[in-house]
């Protein structure tokens, strides 16, 4: 995929770059005010920051289960009112309709490589549901940029395992990389 405007291309790639090490891969959660902050300050911040919540998008039952699972006392230290206050805020801010902050992608090491037919079959399966292959065939990127694009496409719904993604990235870098003259 080529962009006529390199600034636009850079802006579109920036959030994904954050996931693979170009800036801290931590969310920045705005601290709540009032009673919610009092409950969190009193019960939570001695062990962890509030940015940890942004890695999840859970309903009330999911947050309750996580609260129990992640605390030595099973969350028993919270009074019923405090639990209700913090759960209300968590569901409102990080509920099932929110998008969790992506965890850092660590590329797995690959030991087998795609042949051209294997890579093209994967491209047909994973990419052509949303766009034509001309976007790939007319693009030239270094391997790292192909990784950024592939992880972004997976976030948008492309069905790729980590191994498939890495094998595809290696093939794209080799066949459609910046050293290719075509």
N, C-alpha and C. Protein backbone atom coordinates (compact mmCIF):
# COMPACT_ATOMS: atom_id res chain seq x y z
N UNK A 1 0.85 -1.15 0.00
CA UNK A 1 0.00 0.00 0.00
C UNK A 1 0.90 1.22 0.00
N UNK A 2 0.74 2.08 -0.98
CA UNK A 2 1.52 3.32 -1.07
C UNK A 2 0.63 4.49 -0.76
N UNK A 3 1.15 5.42 0.00
CA UNK A 3 0.43 6.65 0.31
C UNK A 3 1.10 7.79 -0.42
N UNK A 4 0.29 8.62 -1.06
CA UNK A 4 0.84 9.80 -1.74
C UNK A 4 1.40 10.77 -0.72
N UNK A 5 0.83 10.77 0.46
CA UNK A 5 1.24 11.70 1.50
C UNK A 5 2.03 10.93 2.57
N UNK A 6 3.37 11.11 2.61
CA UNK A 6 4.16 10.37 3.59
C UNK A 6 3.83 10.71 5.03
N UNK A 7 3.34 11.93 5.28
CA UNK A 7 2.96 12.30 6.65
C UNK A 7 1.76 11.47 7.08
N UNK A 8 0.79 11.29 6.18
CA UNK A 8 -0.38 10.47 6.49
C UNK A 8 0.04 9.03 6.75
N UNK A 9 0.94 8.52 5.94
CA UNK A 9 1.43 7.15 6.14
C UNK A 9 2.08 7.01 7.51
N UNK A 10 2.88 7.97 7.90
CA UNK A 10 3.56 7.92 9.20
C UNK A 10 2.54 7.98 10.34
N UNK A 11 1.53 8.82 10.20
CA UNK A 11 0.51 8.93 11.25
C UNK A 11 -0.28 7.65 11.39
N UNK A 12 -0.59 6.99 10.26
CA UNK A 12 -1.35 5.74 10.32
C UNK A 12 -0.53 4.62 10.95
N UNK A 13 0.76 4.64 10.77
CA UNK A 13 1.62 3.59 11.32
C UNK A 13 2.00 3.83 12.77
N UNK A 14 1.92 5.05 13.23
CA UNK A 14 2.41 5.41 14.56
C UNK A 14 1.82 4.58 15.71
N UNK A 15 0.50 4.41 15.82
CA UNK A 15 0.01 3.64 16.96
C UNK A 15 0.56 2.23 17.01
N UNK A 16 0.72 1.59 15.89
CA UNK A 16 1.25 0.24 15.89
C UNK A 16 2.73 0.24 16.23
N UNK A 17 3.45 1.25 15.81
CA UNK A 17 4.87 1.34 16.17
C UNK A 17 5.02 1.33 17.68
N UNK A 18 4.06 1.93 18.35
CA UNK A 18 4.12 1.97 19.81
C UNK A 18 4.09 0.57 20.39
N UNK A 19 3.38 -0.36 19.73
CA UNK A 19 3.26 -1.71 20.25
C UNK A 19 4.54 -2.51 20.10
N UNK A 20 5.38 -2.12 19.18
CA UNK A 20 6.57 -2.93 18.95
C UNK A 20 7.83 -2.15 19.26
N UNK A 21 7.75 -1.25 20.21
CA UNK A 21 8.95 -0.72 20.81
C UNK A 21 9.39 0.67 20.42
N UNK A 22 8.67 1.41 19.64
CA UNK A 22 9.14 2.73 19.26
C UNK A 22 8.77 3.80 20.27
N UNK A 23 7.85 3.53 21.13
CA UNK A 23 7.55 4.39 22.27
C UNK A 23 6.99 3.47 23.35
N UNK A 24 6.90 3.93 24.57
CA UNK A 24 6.45 3.03 25.63
C UNK A 24 5.10 2.39 25.29
N UNK A 25 5.02 1.09 25.47
CA UNK A 25 3.80 0.36 25.17
C UNK A 25 2.93 0.28 26.42
N UNK A 26 2.69 1.40 27.03
CA UNK A 26 1.85 1.48 28.22
C UNK A 26 0.74 2.48 27.96
N UNK A 27 -0.45 2.18 28.39
CA UNK A 27 -1.54 3.14 28.25
C UNK A 27 -1.37 4.30 29.22
N UNK A 28 -2.01 5.39 28.94
CA UNK A 28 -2.02 6.54 29.84
C UNK A 28 -3.47 6.76 30.27
N UNK A 29 -3.81 6.32 31.45
CA UNK A 29 -5.18 6.42 31.96
C UNK A 29 -5.31 7.69 32.78
N UNK A 30 -6.34 8.46 32.48
CA UNK A 30 -6.61 9.67 33.24
C UNK A 30 -7.17 9.29 34.60
N UNK A 31 -6.58 9.84 35.62
CA UNK A 31 -7.00 9.52 36.99
C UNK A 31 -8.43 10.02 37.23
N UNK A 32 -9.27 9.16 37.79
CA UNK A 32 -10.64 9.61 38.11
C UNK A 32 -10.62 10.55 39.31
N UNK A 33 -11.69 11.26 39.48
CA UNK A 33 -11.84 12.15 40.63
C UNK A 33 -12.85 11.58 41.61
N UNK A 34 -12.97 12.26 42.74
CA UNK A 34 -14.02 11.95 43.71
C UNK A 34 -13.90 10.60 44.37
N UNK A 35 -15.04 9.99 44.67
CA UNK A 35 -15.06 8.74 45.43
C UNK A 35 -14.29 7.60 44.75
N UNK A 36 -14.32 7.56 43.41
CA UNK A 36 -13.60 6.49 42.71
C UNK A 36 -12.11 6.59 43.02
N UNK A 37 -11.57 7.80 42.93
CA UNK A 37 -10.14 7.97 43.20
C UNK A 37 -9.82 7.63 44.66
N UNK A 38 -10.69 7.97 45.56
CA UNK A 38 -10.45 7.67 46.97
C UNK A 38 -10.36 6.16 47.19
N UNK A 39 -11.25 5.40 46.55
CA UNK A 39 -11.23 3.94 46.69
C UNK A 39 -9.96 3.37 46.06
N UNK A 40 -9.62 3.84 44.86
CA UNK A 40 -8.43 3.33 44.17
C UNK A 40 -7.16 3.69 44.94
N UNK A 41 -7.08 4.93 45.40
CA UNK A 41 -5.89 5.37 46.15
C UNK A 41 -5.73 4.57 47.43
N UNK A 42 -6.82 4.34 48.11
CA UNK A 42 -6.78 3.62 49.39
C UNK A 42 -6.48 2.12 49.21
N UNK A 43 -6.99 1.51 48.13
CA UNK A 43 -6.93 0.05 48.01
C UNK A 43 -6.06 -0.50 46.88
N UNK A 44 -5.71 0.31 45.91
CA UNK A 44 -5.09 -0.25 44.70
C UNK A 44 -3.67 0.24 44.41
N UNK A 45 -3.43 1.52 44.59
CA UNK A 45 -2.17 2.10 44.09
C UNK A 45 -0.93 1.73 44.89
N UNK A 46 -1.09 1.09 46.03
CA UNK A 46 0.09 0.63 46.75
C UNK A 46 0.79 -0.51 46.00
N UNK A 47 0.05 -1.22 45.16
CA UNK A 47 0.61 -2.36 44.42
C UNK A 47 0.73 -2.15 42.92
N UNK A 48 -0.16 -1.39 42.33
CA UNK A 48 -0.12 -1.22 40.87
C UNK A 48 -0.73 0.13 40.49
N UNK A 49 -0.42 0.55 39.28
CA UNK A 49 -0.95 1.80 38.76
C UNK A 49 -2.31 1.59 38.12
N UNK A 50 -2.99 2.68 37.84
CA UNK A 50 -4.31 2.56 37.23
C UNK A 50 -4.23 2.29 35.74
N UNK A 51 -3.05 2.47 35.15
CA UNK A 51 -2.94 2.20 33.71
C UNK A 51 -3.09 0.72 33.40
N UNK A 52 -2.87 -0.16 34.37
CA UNK A 52 -3.03 -1.60 34.15
C UNK A 52 -4.46 -1.96 33.74
N UNK A 53 -5.44 -1.18 34.16
CA UNK A 53 -6.83 -1.47 33.84
C UNK A 53 -7.09 -1.41 32.34
N UNK A 54 -6.35 -0.56 31.63
CA UNK A 54 -6.62 -0.33 30.21
C UNK A 54 -6.27 -1.52 29.33
N UNK A 55 -5.59 -2.53 29.87
CA UNK A 55 -5.28 -3.72 29.08
C UNK A 55 -6.49 -4.64 28.96
N UNK A 56 -7.61 -4.30 29.59
CA UNK A 56 -8.78 -5.16 29.60
C UNK A 56 -10.01 -4.41 29.11
N UNK A 57 -10.98 -5.15 28.61
CA UNK A 57 -12.29 -4.63 28.23
C UNK A 57 -13.30 -5.68 28.69
N UNK A 58 -13.76 -5.54 29.92
CA UNK A 58 -14.56 -6.59 30.55
C UNK A 58 -15.92 -6.08 31.01
N UNK A 59 -16.86 -7.01 31.11
CA UNK A 59 -18.13 -6.66 31.73
C UNK A 59 -17.97 -6.75 33.25
N UNK A 60 -19.03 -6.47 33.98
CA UNK A 60 -18.95 -6.43 35.44
C UNK A 60 -18.47 -7.77 36.02
N UNK A 61 -19.02 -8.88 35.52
CA UNK A 61 -18.61 -10.19 36.02
C UNK A 61 -17.13 -10.45 35.72
N UNK A 62 -16.68 -10.04 34.54
CA UNK A 62 -15.28 -10.21 34.18
C UNK A 62 -14.36 -9.43 35.10
N UNK A 63 -14.73 -8.17 35.39
CA UNK A 63 -13.92 -7.35 36.30
C UNK A 63 -13.91 -7.96 37.71
N UNK A 64 -15.06 -8.45 38.15
CA UNK A 64 -15.15 -9.06 39.47
C UNK A 64 -14.24 -10.28 39.56
N UNK A 65 -14.26 -11.13 38.52
CA UNK A 65 -13.41 -12.33 38.50
C UNK A 65 -11.93 -11.94 38.49
N UNK A 66 -11.57 -10.92 37.72
CA UNK A 66 -10.18 -10.48 37.67
C UNK A 66 -9.74 -9.93 39.02
N UNK A 67 -10.61 -9.17 39.64
CA UNK A 67 -10.32 -8.61 40.96
C UNK A 67 -10.02 -9.73 41.97
N UNK A 68 -10.83 -10.77 41.95
CA UNK A 68 -10.63 -11.90 42.86
C UNK A 68 -9.34 -12.65 42.51
N UNK A 69 -9.13 -12.90 41.23
CA UNK A 69 -7.98 -13.70 40.80
C UNK A 69 -6.65 -13.01 41.02
N UNK A 70 -6.59 -11.69 40.91
CA UNK A 70 -5.33 -10.96 40.94
C UNK A 70 -4.91 -10.50 42.34
N UNK A 71 -5.74 -10.72 43.33
CA UNK A 71 -5.41 -10.24 44.67
C UNK A 71 -5.30 -11.41 45.64
N UNK A 72 -4.27 -11.36 46.46
CA UNK A 72 -3.99 -12.43 47.41
C UNK A 72 -5.18 -12.74 48.30
N UNK A 73 -5.89 -11.68 48.67
CA UNK A 73 -7.03 -11.88 49.56
C UNK A 73 -8.33 -12.07 48.79
N UNK A 74 -8.23 -12.23 47.47
CA UNK A 74 -9.43 -12.41 46.66
C UNK A 74 -10.28 -11.16 46.58
N UNK A 75 -9.69 -10.01 46.89
CA UNK A 75 -10.44 -8.76 46.86
C UNK A 75 -11.28 -8.53 48.10
N UNK A 76 -11.04 -9.34 49.12
CA UNK A 76 -11.83 -9.27 50.34
C UNK A 76 -11.61 -7.96 51.10
N UNK A 77 -10.50 -7.27 50.88
CA UNK A 77 -10.21 -6.04 51.62
C UNK A 77 -11.17 -4.91 51.25
N UNK A 78 -11.80 -5.01 50.09
CA UNK A 78 -12.75 -3.97 49.67
C UNK A 78 -14.09 -4.15 50.37
N UNK A 79 -14.63 -3.06 50.87
CA UNK A 79 -15.99 -3.12 51.41
C UNK A 79 -16.95 -3.26 50.22
N UNK A 80 -18.17 -3.64 50.49
CA UNK A 80 -19.15 -3.78 49.41
C UNK A 80 -19.35 -2.45 48.67
N UNK A 81 -19.41 -1.34 49.42
CA UNK A 81 -19.57 -0.03 48.78
C UNK A 81 -18.37 0.32 47.91
N UNK A 82 -17.15 0.07 48.42
CA UNK A 82 -15.94 0.36 47.64
C UNK A 82 -15.87 -0.52 46.39
N UNK A 83 -16.22 -1.78 46.54
CA UNK A 83 -16.21 -2.70 45.41
C UNK A 83 -17.20 -2.22 44.34
N UNK A 84 -18.38 -1.82 44.76
CA UNK A 84 -19.41 -1.33 43.84
C UNK A 84 -18.91 -0.07 43.12
N UNK A 85 -18.28 0.83 43.85
CA UNK A 85 -17.77 2.08 43.29
C UNK A 85 -16.71 1.82 42.23
N UNK A 86 -15.75 0.96 42.56
CA UNK A 86 -14.66 0.71 41.61
C UNK A 86 -15.15 -0.11 40.42
N UNK A 87 -16.04 -1.08 40.65
CA UNK A 87 -16.57 -1.86 39.54
C UNK A 87 -17.41 -0.99 38.60
N UNK A 88 -18.21 -0.08 39.14
CA UNK A 88 -18.98 0.84 38.29
C UNK A 88 -18.05 1.64 37.38
N UNK A 89 -16.95 2.16 37.95
CA UNK A 89 -16.02 2.95 37.16
C UNK A 89 -15.31 2.08 36.12
N UNK A 90 -14.85 0.90 36.52
CA UNK A 90 -14.15 0.02 35.58
C UNK A 90 -15.03 -0.36 34.40
N UNK A 91 -16.28 -0.70 34.66
CA UNK A 91 -17.19 -1.08 33.57
C UNK A 91 -17.50 0.13 32.68
N UNK A 92 -17.67 1.30 33.28
CA UNK A 92 -17.94 2.50 32.49
C UNK A 92 -16.74 2.89 31.62
N UNK A 93 -15.54 2.78 32.17
CA UNK A 93 -14.34 3.23 31.46
C UNK A 93 -13.71 2.13 30.62
N UNK A 94 -13.73 0.88 31.09
CA UNK A 94 -13.05 -0.24 30.42
C UNK A 94 -14.01 -1.42 30.26
N UNK A 95 -15.22 -1.13 29.87
CA UNK A 95 -16.23 -2.17 29.68
C UNK A 95 -16.07 -2.92 28.38
N UNK A 96 -16.99 -3.83 28.11
CA UNK A 96 -16.87 -4.67 26.91
C UNK A 96 -16.96 -3.90 25.60
N UNK A 97 -17.49 -2.70 25.62
CA UNK A 97 -17.58 -1.90 24.39
C UNK A 97 -16.33 -1.06 24.15
N UNK A 98 -15.40 -1.07 25.10
CA UNK A 98 -14.15 -0.32 24.92
C UNK A 98 -13.14 -1.22 24.20
N UNK A 99 -12.08 -0.62 23.73
CA UNK A 99 -11.02 -1.39 23.07
C UNK A 99 -9.84 -1.46 24.02
N UNK A 100 -9.43 -2.67 24.42
CA UNK A 100 -8.30 -2.77 25.34
C UNK A 100 -7.01 -2.30 24.67
N UNK A 101 -6.14 -1.73 25.46
CA UNK A 101 -4.84 -1.31 24.96
C UNK A 101 -4.07 -2.57 24.58
N UNK A 102 -3.52 -2.63 23.37
CA UNK A 102 -2.83 -3.85 22.95
C UNK A 102 -1.55 -4.08 23.73
N UNK A 103 -1.32 -5.31 24.05
CA UNK A 103 -0.08 -5.67 24.72
C UNK A 103 1.04 -5.68 23.70
N UNK A 104 2.24 -5.58 24.14
CA UNK A 104 3.38 -5.53 23.25
C UNK A 104 3.47 -6.81 22.44
N UNK A 105 3.70 -6.66 21.14
CA UNK A 105 3.87 -7.80 20.26
C UNK A 105 5.35 -8.17 20.24
N UNK A 106 5.66 -9.39 20.59
CA UNK A 106 7.03 -9.88 20.54
C UNK A 106 7.10 -10.91 19.44
N UNK A 107 7.79 -10.59 18.34
CA UNK A 107 7.83 -11.53 17.22
C UNK A 107 8.49 -12.85 17.60
N UNK A 108 7.83 -13.97 17.33
CA UNK A 108 8.46 -15.26 17.62
C UNK A 108 9.54 -15.56 16.58
N UNK A 109 10.50 -16.35 16.98
CA UNK A 109 11.54 -16.78 16.03
C UNK A 109 10.94 -17.81 15.10
N UNK A 110 11.22 -17.67 13.82
CA UNK A 110 10.73 -18.65 12.86
C UNK A 110 11.90 -19.45 12.31
N UNK A 111 11.64 -20.71 12.02
CA UNK A 111 12.70 -21.58 11.52
C UNK A 111 12.36 -22.14 10.15
N UNK A 112 11.11 -21.98 9.72
CA UNK A 112 10.72 -22.38 8.37
C UNK A 112 10.20 -21.15 7.65
N UNK A 113 10.38 -21.13 6.35
CA UNK A 113 10.06 -19.94 5.58
C UNK A 113 9.06 -20.29 4.49
N UNK A 114 8.23 -19.31 4.13
CA UNK A 114 7.23 -19.53 3.09
C UNK A 114 7.86 -19.61 1.71
N UNK A 115 7.34 -20.52 0.92
CA UNK A 115 7.61 -20.49 -0.52
C UNK A 115 6.63 -19.48 -1.11
N UNK A 116 6.83 -19.10 -2.35
CA UNK A 116 5.92 -18.15 -2.97
C UNK A 116 4.47 -18.66 -2.96
N UNK A 117 4.21 -19.92 -3.37
CA UNK A 117 2.81 -20.38 -3.35
C UNK A 117 2.19 -20.38 -1.94
N UNK A 118 2.97 -20.76 -0.92
CA UNK A 118 2.44 -20.75 0.45
C UNK A 118 2.07 -19.33 0.88
N UNK A 119 2.95 -18.38 0.61
CA UNK A 119 2.70 -16.99 0.99
C UNK A 119 1.48 -16.44 0.26
N UNK A 120 1.37 -16.76 -1.01
CA UNK A 120 0.22 -16.24 -1.78
C UNK A 120 -1.09 -16.85 -1.29
N UNK A 121 -1.08 -18.12 -0.89
CA UNK A 121 -2.29 -18.72 -0.32
C UNK A 121 -2.69 -18.01 0.97
N UNK A 122 -1.69 -17.71 1.81
CA UNK A 122 -1.99 -17.01 3.06
C UNK A 122 -2.51 -15.60 2.78
N UNK A 123 -1.89 -14.90 1.85
CA UNK A 123 -2.37 -13.56 1.47
C UNK A 123 -3.81 -13.64 1.00
N UNK A 124 -4.12 -14.63 0.16
CA UNK A 124 -5.50 -14.78 -0.34
C UNK A 124 -6.47 -15.03 0.82
N UNK A 125 -6.05 -15.87 1.76
CA UNK A 125 -6.94 -16.20 2.89
C UNK A 125 -7.11 -15.04 3.86
N UNK A 126 -6.01 -14.38 4.20
CA UNK A 126 -6.05 -13.40 5.29
C UNK A 126 -6.29 -11.97 4.84
N UNK A 127 -5.95 -11.63 3.60
CA UNK A 127 -5.97 -10.22 3.20
C UNK A 127 -7.10 -9.84 2.26
N UNK A 128 -7.47 -10.75 1.36
CA UNK A 128 -8.40 -10.37 0.30
C UNK A 128 -9.85 -10.26 0.76
N UNK A 129 -10.13 -10.58 2.01
CA UNK A 129 -11.48 -10.35 2.52
C UNK A 129 -11.78 -8.86 2.60
N UNK A 130 -10.73 -8.05 2.75
CA UNK A 130 -10.92 -6.60 2.94
C UNK A 130 -10.39 -5.76 1.77
N UNK A 131 -9.36 -6.23 1.09
CA UNK A 131 -8.78 -5.43 0.00
C UNK A 131 -8.06 -6.33 -0.99
N UNK A 132 -7.79 -5.79 -2.16
CA UNK A 132 -7.10 -6.52 -3.20
C UNK A 132 -5.62 -6.66 -2.91
N UNK A 133 -4.99 -7.63 -3.55
CA UNK A 133 -3.57 -7.86 -3.36
C UNK A 133 -2.70 -6.82 -4.05
N UNK A 134 -3.31 -5.98 -4.89
CA UNK A 134 -2.54 -4.92 -5.54
C UNK A 134 -1.93 -3.98 -4.50
N UNK A 135 -2.56 -3.85 -3.34
CA UNK A 135 -1.99 -3.02 -2.27
C UNK A 135 -0.65 -3.57 -1.80
N UNK A 136 -0.53 -4.89 -1.80
CA UNK A 136 0.72 -5.52 -1.40
C UNK A 136 1.72 -5.47 -2.55
N UNK A 137 1.25 -5.85 -3.71
CA UNK A 137 2.14 -6.00 -4.87
C UNK A 137 2.74 -4.69 -5.36
N UNK A 138 2.12 -3.57 -5.03
CA UNK A 138 2.66 -2.27 -5.47
C UNK A 138 3.42 -1.56 -4.35
N UNK A 139 3.62 -2.24 -3.24
CA UNK A 139 4.30 -1.63 -2.09
C UNK A 139 5.70 -2.20 -1.92
N UNK A 140 6.57 -1.38 -1.39
CA UNK A 140 7.93 -1.80 -1.05
C UNK A 140 8.26 -1.25 0.33
N UNK A 141 8.44 -2.14 1.28
CA UNK A 141 8.76 -1.73 2.65
C UNK A 141 9.86 -2.61 3.21
N UNK A 142 10.62 -2.10 4.15
CA UNK A 142 11.54 -2.97 4.87
C UNK A 142 10.73 -3.93 5.76
N UNK A 143 11.36 -5.00 6.18
CA UNK A 143 10.67 -6.03 6.96
C UNK A 143 9.95 -5.46 8.18
N UNK A 144 10.59 -4.54 8.90
CA UNK A 144 9.97 -3.98 10.11
C UNK A 144 8.66 -3.25 9.79
N UNK A 145 8.62 -2.55 8.66
CA UNK A 145 7.38 -1.86 8.27
C UNK A 145 6.31 -2.87 7.86
N UNK A 146 6.71 -3.95 7.19
CA UNK A 146 5.74 -4.99 6.87
C UNK A 146 5.15 -5.58 8.16
N UNK A 147 6.00 -5.71 9.20
CA UNK A 147 5.51 -6.24 10.49
C UNK A 147 4.47 -5.29 11.08
N UNK A 148 4.75 -3.99 11.04
CA UNK A 148 3.81 -3.00 11.57
C UNK A 148 2.47 -3.12 10.83
N UNK A 149 2.52 -3.22 9.52
CA UNK A 149 1.30 -3.33 8.72
C UNK A 149 0.57 -4.63 9.04
N UNK A 150 1.30 -5.74 9.11
CA UNK A 150 0.67 -7.04 9.36
C UNK A 150 0.01 -7.10 10.74
N UNK A 151 0.68 -6.58 11.75
CA UNK A 151 0.08 -6.58 13.09
C UNK A 151 -1.16 -5.69 13.10
N UNK A 152 -1.09 -4.54 12.42
CA UNK A 152 -2.25 -3.66 12.32
C UNK A 152 -3.40 -4.36 11.60
N UNK A 153 -3.12 -5.06 10.53
CA UNK A 153 -4.17 -5.77 9.81
C UNK A 153 -4.78 -6.86 10.68
N UNK A 154 -3.94 -7.51 11.48
CA UNK A 154 -4.48 -8.53 12.39
C UNK A 154 -5.39 -7.87 13.42
N UNK A 155 -5.02 -6.71 13.92
CA UNK A 155 -5.87 -5.98 14.86
C UNK A 155 -7.21 -5.62 14.22
N UNK A 156 -7.21 -5.45 12.90
CA UNK A 156 -8.43 -5.10 12.17
C UNK A 156 -9.23 -6.32 11.73
N UNK A 157 -8.71 -7.52 11.99
CA UNK A 157 -9.49 -8.72 11.72
C UNK A 157 -8.85 -9.78 10.85
N UNK A 158 -7.67 -9.53 10.28
CA UNK A 158 -7.01 -10.56 9.48
C UNK A 158 -6.69 -11.75 10.38
N UNK A 159 -7.04 -12.93 9.92
CA UNK A 159 -6.85 -14.14 10.71
C UNK A 159 -5.44 -14.68 10.48
N UNK A 160 -4.52 -14.33 11.39
CA UNK A 160 -3.12 -14.75 11.30
C UNK A 160 -2.62 -15.15 12.68
N UNK A 161 -2.01 -16.32 12.77
CA UNK A 161 -1.32 -16.68 14.01
C UNK A 161 -0.01 -15.90 14.07
N UNK A 162 0.64 -15.88 15.21
CA UNK A 162 1.94 -15.21 15.31
C UNK A 162 2.95 -15.82 14.34
N UNK A 163 2.97 -17.15 14.24
CA UNK A 163 3.93 -17.79 13.33
C UNK A 163 3.62 -17.44 11.88
N UNK A 164 2.35 -17.49 11.49
CA UNK A 164 1.99 -17.11 10.12
C UNK A 164 2.37 -15.67 9.84
N UNK A 165 2.11 -14.80 10.82
CA UNK A 165 2.45 -13.39 10.65
C UNK A 165 3.94 -13.22 10.41
N UNK A 166 4.77 -13.87 11.22
CA UNK A 166 6.22 -13.72 11.07
C UNK A 166 6.75 -14.33 9.79
N UNK A 167 6.20 -15.47 9.41
CA UNK A 167 6.64 -16.08 8.15
C UNK A 167 6.24 -15.19 6.99
N UNK A 168 5.05 -14.60 7.06
CA UNK A 168 4.61 -13.70 6.01
C UNK A 168 5.47 -12.44 5.96
N UNK A 169 5.79 -11.88 7.12
CA UNK A 169 6.64 -10.69 7.18
C UNK A 169 8.01 -10.98 6.57
N UNK A 170 8.57 -12.13 6.89
CA UNK A 170 9.88 -12.48 6.32
C UNK A 170 9.77 -12.57 4.80
N UNK A 171 8.70 -13.21 4.30
CA UNK A 171 8.52 -13.35 2.85
C UNK A 171 8.29 -11.99 2.19
N UNK A 172 7.44 -11.16 2.80
CA UNK A 172 7.19 -9.83 2.24
C UNK A 172 8.48 -9.01 2.19
N UNK A 173 9.28 -9.08 3.25
CA UNK A 173 10.54 -8.36 3.26
C UNK A 173 11.50 -8.86 2.19
N UNK A 174 11.46 -10.16 1.96
CA UNK A 174 12.35 -10.76 0.97
C UNK A 174 11.87 -10.49 -0.46
N UNK A 175 10.55 -10.62 -0.69
CA UNK A 175 10.01 -10.52 -2.04
C UNK A 175 9.55 -9.10 -2.39
N UNK A 176 8.93 -8.42 -1.45
CA UNK A 176 8.39 -7.08 -1.70
C UNK A 176 9.07 -6.03 -0.83
N UNK A 177 10.31 -6.30 -0.44
CA UNK A 177 11.05 -5.37 0.40
C UNK A 177 11.62 -4.20 -0.38
N UNK A 178 12.34 -3.37 0.30
CA UNK A 178 12.86 -2.14 -0.31
C UNK A 178 14.01 -2.39 -1.24
N UNK A 179 14.63 -3.58 -1.22
CA UNK A 179 15.73 -3.87 -2.12
C UNK A 179 15.28 -4.48 -3.44
N UNK A 180 13.98 -4.70 -3.56
CA UNK A 180 13.41 -5.32 -4.75
C UNK A 180 13.25 -4.29 -5.85
N UNK A 181 13.75 -4.57 -7.04
CA UNK A 181 13.54 -3.69 -8.20
C UNK A 181 12.47 -4.30 -9.08
N UNK A 182 11.41 -3.57 -9.25
CA UNK A 182 10.32 -4.04 -10.10
C UNK A 182 9.58 -2.88 -10.66
